[in-house]
Protein backbone atom coordinates (compact mmCIF):
# COMPACT_ATOMS: atom_id res chain seq x y z
CA UNK A 1 40.40 -95.05 22.39
CA UNK A 2 36.72 -94.14 22.90
CA UNK A 3 35.13 -91.68 20.49
CA UNK A 4 33.37 -88.64 21.87
CA UNK A 5 29.67 -88.24 21.11
CA UNK A 6 28.27 -84.98 19.82
CA UNK A 7 25.81 -83.29 22.18
CA UNK A 8 22.84 -80.98 22.20
CA UNK A 9 22.04 -79.13 25.41
CA UNK A 10 19.38 -76.58 26.29
CA UNK A 11 20.91 -73.59 28.06
CA UNK A 12 17.68 -71.88 29.16
CA UNK A 13 17.67 -68.38 30.61
CA UNK A 14 21.04 -66.91 31.72
CA UNK A 15 20.10 -67.19 35.40
CA UNK A 16 19.88 -70.98 35.07
CA UNK A 17 23.33 -70.95 36.61
CA UNK A 18 22.03 -69.32 39.82
CA UNK A 19 19.06 -71.61 40.44
CA UNK A 20 18.49 -75.17 41.61
CA UNK A 21 16.51 -76.65 38.74
CA UNK A 22 16.78 -80.18 37.37
CA UNK A 23 18.45 -78.81 34.24
CA UNK A 24 21.13 -77.09 36.28
CA UNK A 25 21.80 -80.33 38.12
CA UNK A 26 22.09 -82.22 34.85
CA UNK A 27 24.54 -79.74 33.33
CA UNK A 28 26.63 -79.80 36.50
CA UNK A 29 27.15 -83.53 35.96
CA UNK A 30 27.51 -83.46 32.18
CA UNK A 31 31.26 -84.14 32.15
CA UNK A 32 30.63 -87.46 33.88
CA UNK A 33 28.45 -88.58 30.94
CA UNK A 34 31.43 -88.60 28.58
CA UNK A 35 33.72 -91.55 27.84
CA UNK A 36 36.80 -89.33 28.15
CA UNK A 37 37.84 -85.77 28.86
CA UNK A 38 37.76 -83.62 25.70
CA UNK A 39 40.95 -81.95 24.53
CA UNK A 40 38.92 -79.04 23.15
CA UNK A 41 35.26 -78.05 22.87
CA UNK A 42 33.43 -76.44 19.99
CA UNK A 43 30.20 -74.72 21.03
CA UNK A 44 27.53 -74.03 18.41
CA UNK A 45 25.49 -71.38 20.21
CA UNK A 46 22.11 -69.98 19.22
CA UNK A 47 23.38 -66.57 20.29
CA UNK A 48 25.95 -66.10 17.55
CA UNK A 49 24.18 -65.57 14.24
CA UNK A 50 26.11 -64.74 11.07
CA UNK A 51 25.38 -64.73 7.36
CA UNK A 52 27.87 -67.57 6.76
CA UNK A 53 29.75 -69.84 9.17
CA UNK A 54 32.28 -68.18 11.44
CA UNK A 55 34.52 -69.80 14.04
CA UNK A 56 36.18 -68.00 16.95
CA UNK A 57 39.91 -68.12 17.62
CA UNK A 58 40.96 -65.85 20.51
CA UNK A 59 43.89 -66.88 22.67
CA UNK A 60 41.71 -66.43 25.77
CA UNK A 61 37.93 -66.18 25.67
CA UNK A 62 36.16 -63.07 26.91
CA UNK A 63 32.84 -63.60 28.70
CA UNK A 64 30.01 -61.89 26.81
CA UNK A 65 27.04 -60.81 28.94
CA UNK A 66 24.58 -60.64 26.04
CA UNK A 67 21.40 -60.11 28.08
CA UNK A 68 19.70 -57.51 30.23
CA UNK A 69 17.38 -57.33 33.21
CA UNK A 70 18.74 -60.31 35.14
CA UNK A 71 20.33 -60.62 38.58
CA UNK A 72 23.33 -58.36 39.11
CA UNK A 73 25.61 -61.23 40.12
CA UNK A 74 25.34 -62.71 36.64
CA UNK A 75 27.24 -59.76 35.19
CA UNK A 76 30.20 -60.42 37.49
CA UNK A 77 30.66 -64.01 36.31
CA UNK A 78 33.64 -64.76 34.09
CA UNK A 79 34.58 -67.92 32.19
CA UNK A 80 38.12 -67.28 30.88
CA UNK A 81 38.62 -70.58 29.07
CA UNK A 82 41.56 -70.62 26.66
CA UNK A 83 40.78 -70.44 22.99
CA UNK A 84 42.24 -72.78 20.40
CA UNK A 85 43.33 -71.19 17.12
CA UNK A 86 44.51 -74.63 15.96
CA UNK A 87 41.04 -76.11 16.50
CA UNK A 88 39.50 -73.14 14.72
CA UNK A 89 41.80 -73.73 11.74
CA UNK A 90 40.87 -77.42 11.70
CA UNK A 91 37.16 -76.57 11.73
CA UNK A 92 37.65 -74.08 8.91
CA UNK A 93 39.49 -76.69 6.84
CA UNK A 94 36.73 -79.26 7.35
CA UNK A 95 34.01 -76.80 6.38
CA UNK A 96 35.94 -75.63 3.33
CA UNK A 97 36.41 -79.26 2.24
CA UNK A 98 32.61 -79.57 2.35
CA UNK A 99 32.26 -76.46 0.16
CA UNK A 100 30.97 -74.41 3.09
CA UNK A 101 32.37 -70.87 3.27
CA UNK A 102 33.85 -69.96 6.64
CA UNK A 103 35.67 -67.10 8.32
CA UNK A 104 37.82 -67.08 11.45
CA UNK A 105 37.14 -64.41 14.08
CA UNK A 106 40.14 -63.83 16.31
CA UNK A 107 38.27 -61.62 18.80
CA UNK A 108 34.90 -63.25 19.49
CA UNK A 109 34.39 -64.42 23.08
CA UNK A 110 31.81 -66.76 24.62
CA UNK A 111 28.16 -65.69 24.79
CA UNK A 112 25.84 -67.03 27.48
CA UNK A 113 24.69 -69.88 25.26
CA UNK A 114 28.24 -71.16 25.57
CA UNK A 115 29.55 -70.10 28.96
CA UNK A 116 26.49 -70.89 31.08
CA UNK A 117 26.50 -74.65 30.33
CA UNK A 118 30.30 -74.75 30.24
CA UNK A 119 30.63 -73.07 33.63
CA UNK A 120 28.34 -75.71 35.12
CA UNK A 121 29.95 -78.70 33.41
CA UNK A 122 33.63 -77.64 33.50
CA UNK A 123 33.85 -74.96 36.21
CA UNK A 124 37.67 -74.80 36.12
CA UNK A 125 37.57 -73.27 32.59
CA UNK A 126 40.70 -75.24 31.70
CA UNK A 127 39.56 -76.86 28.42
CA UNK A 128 40.11 -74.81 25.24
CA UNK A 129 36.84 -73.60 23.71
CA UNK A 130 35.93 -72.22 20.30
CA UNK A 131 32.50 -71.11 19.10
CA UNK A 132 30.84 -71.74 15.75
CA UNK A 133 28.01 -69.49 14.57
CA UNK A 134 24.58 -70.41 13.22
CA UNK A 135 22.90 -69.14 10.05
CA UNK A 136 19.27 -68.85 11.04
CA UNK A 137 17.94 -68.15 7.55
CA UNK A 138 19.76 -71.17 6.06
CA UNK A 139 17.57 -73.81 7.73
CA UNK A 140 17.94 -77.41 8.81
CA UNK A 141 19.78 -79.00 5.86
CA UNK A 142 22.56 -76.41 6.04
CA UNK A 143 23.17 -77.13 9.71
CA UNK A 144 23.06 -80.89 9.20
CA UNK A 145 25.75 -80.40 6.53
CA UNK A 146 27.89 -78.39 8.96
CA UNK A 147 27.60 -81.18 11.51
CA UNK A 148 28.45 -83.86 8.96
CA UNK A 149 31.58 -81.92 7.99
CA UNK A 150 32.66 -81.72 11.64
CA UNK A 151 32.18 -85.43 12.41
CA UNK A 152 35.93 -86.25 12.17
CA UNK A 153 36.58 -84.02 15.18
CA UNK A 154 34.94 -86.62 17.41
CA UNK A 155 37.89 -88.95 16.76
CA UNK A 156 40.35 -86.13 17.46
CA UNK A 157 39.36 -85.46 21.07
CA UNK A 158 37.13 -82.49 20.23
CA UNK A 159 33.70 -82.35 21.85
CA UNK A 160 30.97 -80.85 19.66
CA UNK A 161 28.13 -79.24 21.64
CA UNK A 162 25.09 -77.59 20.12
CA UNK A 163 23.64 -75.18 22.68
CA UNK A 164 20.11 -73.89 22.21
CA UNK A 165 16.70 -74.72 23.62
CA UNK A 166 14.39 -77.63 22.85
CA UNK A 167 11.51 -75.13 22.95
CA UNK A 168 11.92 -71.37 22.85
CA UNK A 169 8.85 -69.13 22.75
CA UNK A 170 10.00 -66.03 24.62
CA UNK A 171 6.59 -64.35 24.41
CA UNK A 172 5.15 -67.19 26.50
CA UNK A 173 8.24 -67.34 28.71
CA UNK A 174 8.12 -63.73 29.91
CA UNK A 175 4.97 -64.04 32.09
CA UNK A 176 6.67 -66.97 33.90
CA UNK A 177 10.25 -65.72 34.03
CA UNK A 178 10.17 -65.62 37.84
CA UNK A 179 8.42 -69.00 38.17
CA UNK A 180 10.68 -71.89 37.23
CA UNK A 181 8.01 -74.48 38.13
CA UNK A 182 5.10 -73.10 36.10
CA UNK A 183 3.01 -75.95 34.60
CA UNK A 184 3.86 -77.13 31.09
CA UNK A 185 1.08 -76.62 28.50
CA UNK A 186 0.10 -79.32 26.01
CA UNK A 187 1.47 -77.36 23.07
CA UNK A 188 4.96 -77.59 24.60
CA UNK A 189 4.82 -81.26 25.58
CA UNK A 190 3.25 -82.28 22.26
CA UNK A 191 6.05 -80.70 20.27
CA UNK A 192 8.76 -82.12 22.55
CA UNK A 193 7.27 -85.62 22.39
CA UNK A 194 7.13 -85.50 18.57
CA UNK A 195 10.75 -84.34 18.35
CA UNK A 196 11.90 -86.98 20.81
CA UNK A 197 10.23 -89.77 18.81
CA UNK A 198 11.72 -88.53 15.52
CA UNK A 199 15.19 -88.27 17.07
CA UNK A 200 14.96 -91.69 18.71
CA UNK A 201 14.02 -93.32 15.38
CA UNK A 202 16.55 -91.22 13.41
CA UNK A 203 13.74 -90.12 11.08
CA UNK A 204 15.73 -87.43 9.32
CA UNK A 205 13.13 -86.84 6.63
CA UNK A 206 10.60 -85.94 9.32
CA UNK A 207 13.14 -83.86 11.22
CA UNK A 208 14.02 -81.90 8.10
CA UNK A 209 10.32 -80.98 7.82
CA UNK A 210 9.69 -80.50 11.53
CA UNK A 211 8.18 -77.03 11.03
CA UNK A 212 5.42 -78.58 8.91
CA UNK A 213 5.02 -81.92 10.67
CA UNK A 214 5.63 -81.35 14.38
CA UNK A 215 2.64 -80.07 16.38
CA UNK A 216 2.94 -76.38 17.31
CA UNK A 217 6.46 -76.22 15.86
CA UNK A 218 6.27 -72.55 14.89
CA UNK A 219 4.72 -71.61 18.23
CA UNK A 220 7.54 -73.32 20.10
CA UNK A 221 10.16 -71.87 17.76
CA UNK A 222 8.95 -68.61 16.21
CA UNK A 223 12.50 -68.36 14.86
CA UNK A 224 14.83 -71.32 14.44
CA UNK A 225 18.13 -70.21 15.94
CA UNK A 226 17.60 -72.09 19.23
CA UNK A 227 16.89 -75.44 17.54
CA UNK A 228 19.46 -75.29 14.73
CA UNK A 229 22.39 -76.24 17.05
CA UNK A 230 20.61 -79.57 17.57
CA UNK A 231 20.90 -80.32 13.85
CA UNK A 232 24.64 -79.59 13.87
CA UNK A 233 25.03 -82.09 16.73
CA UNK A 234 22.82 -84.60 14.91
CA UNK A 235 24.87 -84.30 11.71
CA UNK A 236 28.12 -84.67 13.63
CA UNK A 237 26.87 -87.89 15.19
CA UNK A 238 26.91 -89.68 11.83
CA UNK A 239 24.16 -90.54 9.37
CA UNK A 240 23.23 -93.80 11.10
CA UNK A 241 23.15 -92.32 14.58
CA UNK A 242 19.92 -92.13 16.52
CA UNK A 243 19.67 -89.94 19.57
CA UNK A 244 20.19 -90.92 23.17
CA UNK A 245 18.17 -88.74 25.51
CA UNK A 246 20.35 -87.52 28.38
CA UNK A 247 17.89 -85.21 30.13
CA UNK A 248 14.28 -84.03 30.02
CA UNK A 249 12.81 -81.24 32.12
CA UNK A 250 10.90 -77.97 31.84
CA UNK A 251 11.59 -74.57 33.37
CA UNK A 252 9.27 -71.57 33.37
CA UNK A 253 6.53 -73.80 31.94
CA UNK A 254 7.48 -73.32 28.31
CA UNK A 255 11.26 -73.88 28.12
CA UNK A 256 12.03 -77.54 27.59
CA UNK A 257 15.56 -78.22 28.75
CA UNK A 258 16.09 -81.55 27.00
CA UNK A 259 19.57 -82.77 26.05
CA UNK A 260 20.76 -85.49 23.67
CA UNK A 261 23.90 -87.39 22.69
CA UNK A 262 24.62 -88.61 19.17
CA UNK A 263 27.10 -91.08 17.78
CA UNK A 264 28.03 -93.22 20.78
């Protein structure tokens, strides 16, 4: 039986789902990139930050509209995917075996970092979904370790998706929020090109130090929560796994919407 890869996707602004950008088109076809249909999905979203790892386990996922000031129709969208308490328990056991503390949240629903890409890729909302939180202050090594602990799930029919943004400077995004085709500045492309080369060569030492080594890293990620899901996906792909680029595009000039697969 084929093994599922782990994935990183960029979810962009919440209204990505209403537009006609290249990234939206890619996410709409994401399911076709996989060797088989997942039995469950674990989403590591930049929009759930906790002090230590937490995994969601509702019976049915609520849709969290964790944003303001966007089109009214966004707030009417619902993605009522079933939860999977059994998958949540399995994730907790794997993290505990790796000496990573974890709690299970039986109420948490899906924030837009999870439901926006899922609604595009699996619009029927029929695959069980759980979320796993990020710990922004814990840094890259912590999230690589989480991913490494979750690697066995890939052989158990569980798809691991880190959902964030390849670049994420909201201060520069706001002037272009109504212009999805604004030109990309060099400080965005330079950072993205450096990251792509490091991922393609599986240079984990460089990736661990990306904030010091990558050009304009701190400008592209003033805080790390939107890049940390990538490191969970990278860790889950296996230590010898280099990245396979699935998609590259830019929206609003400064939001790179790149996506990667690891481990297949």
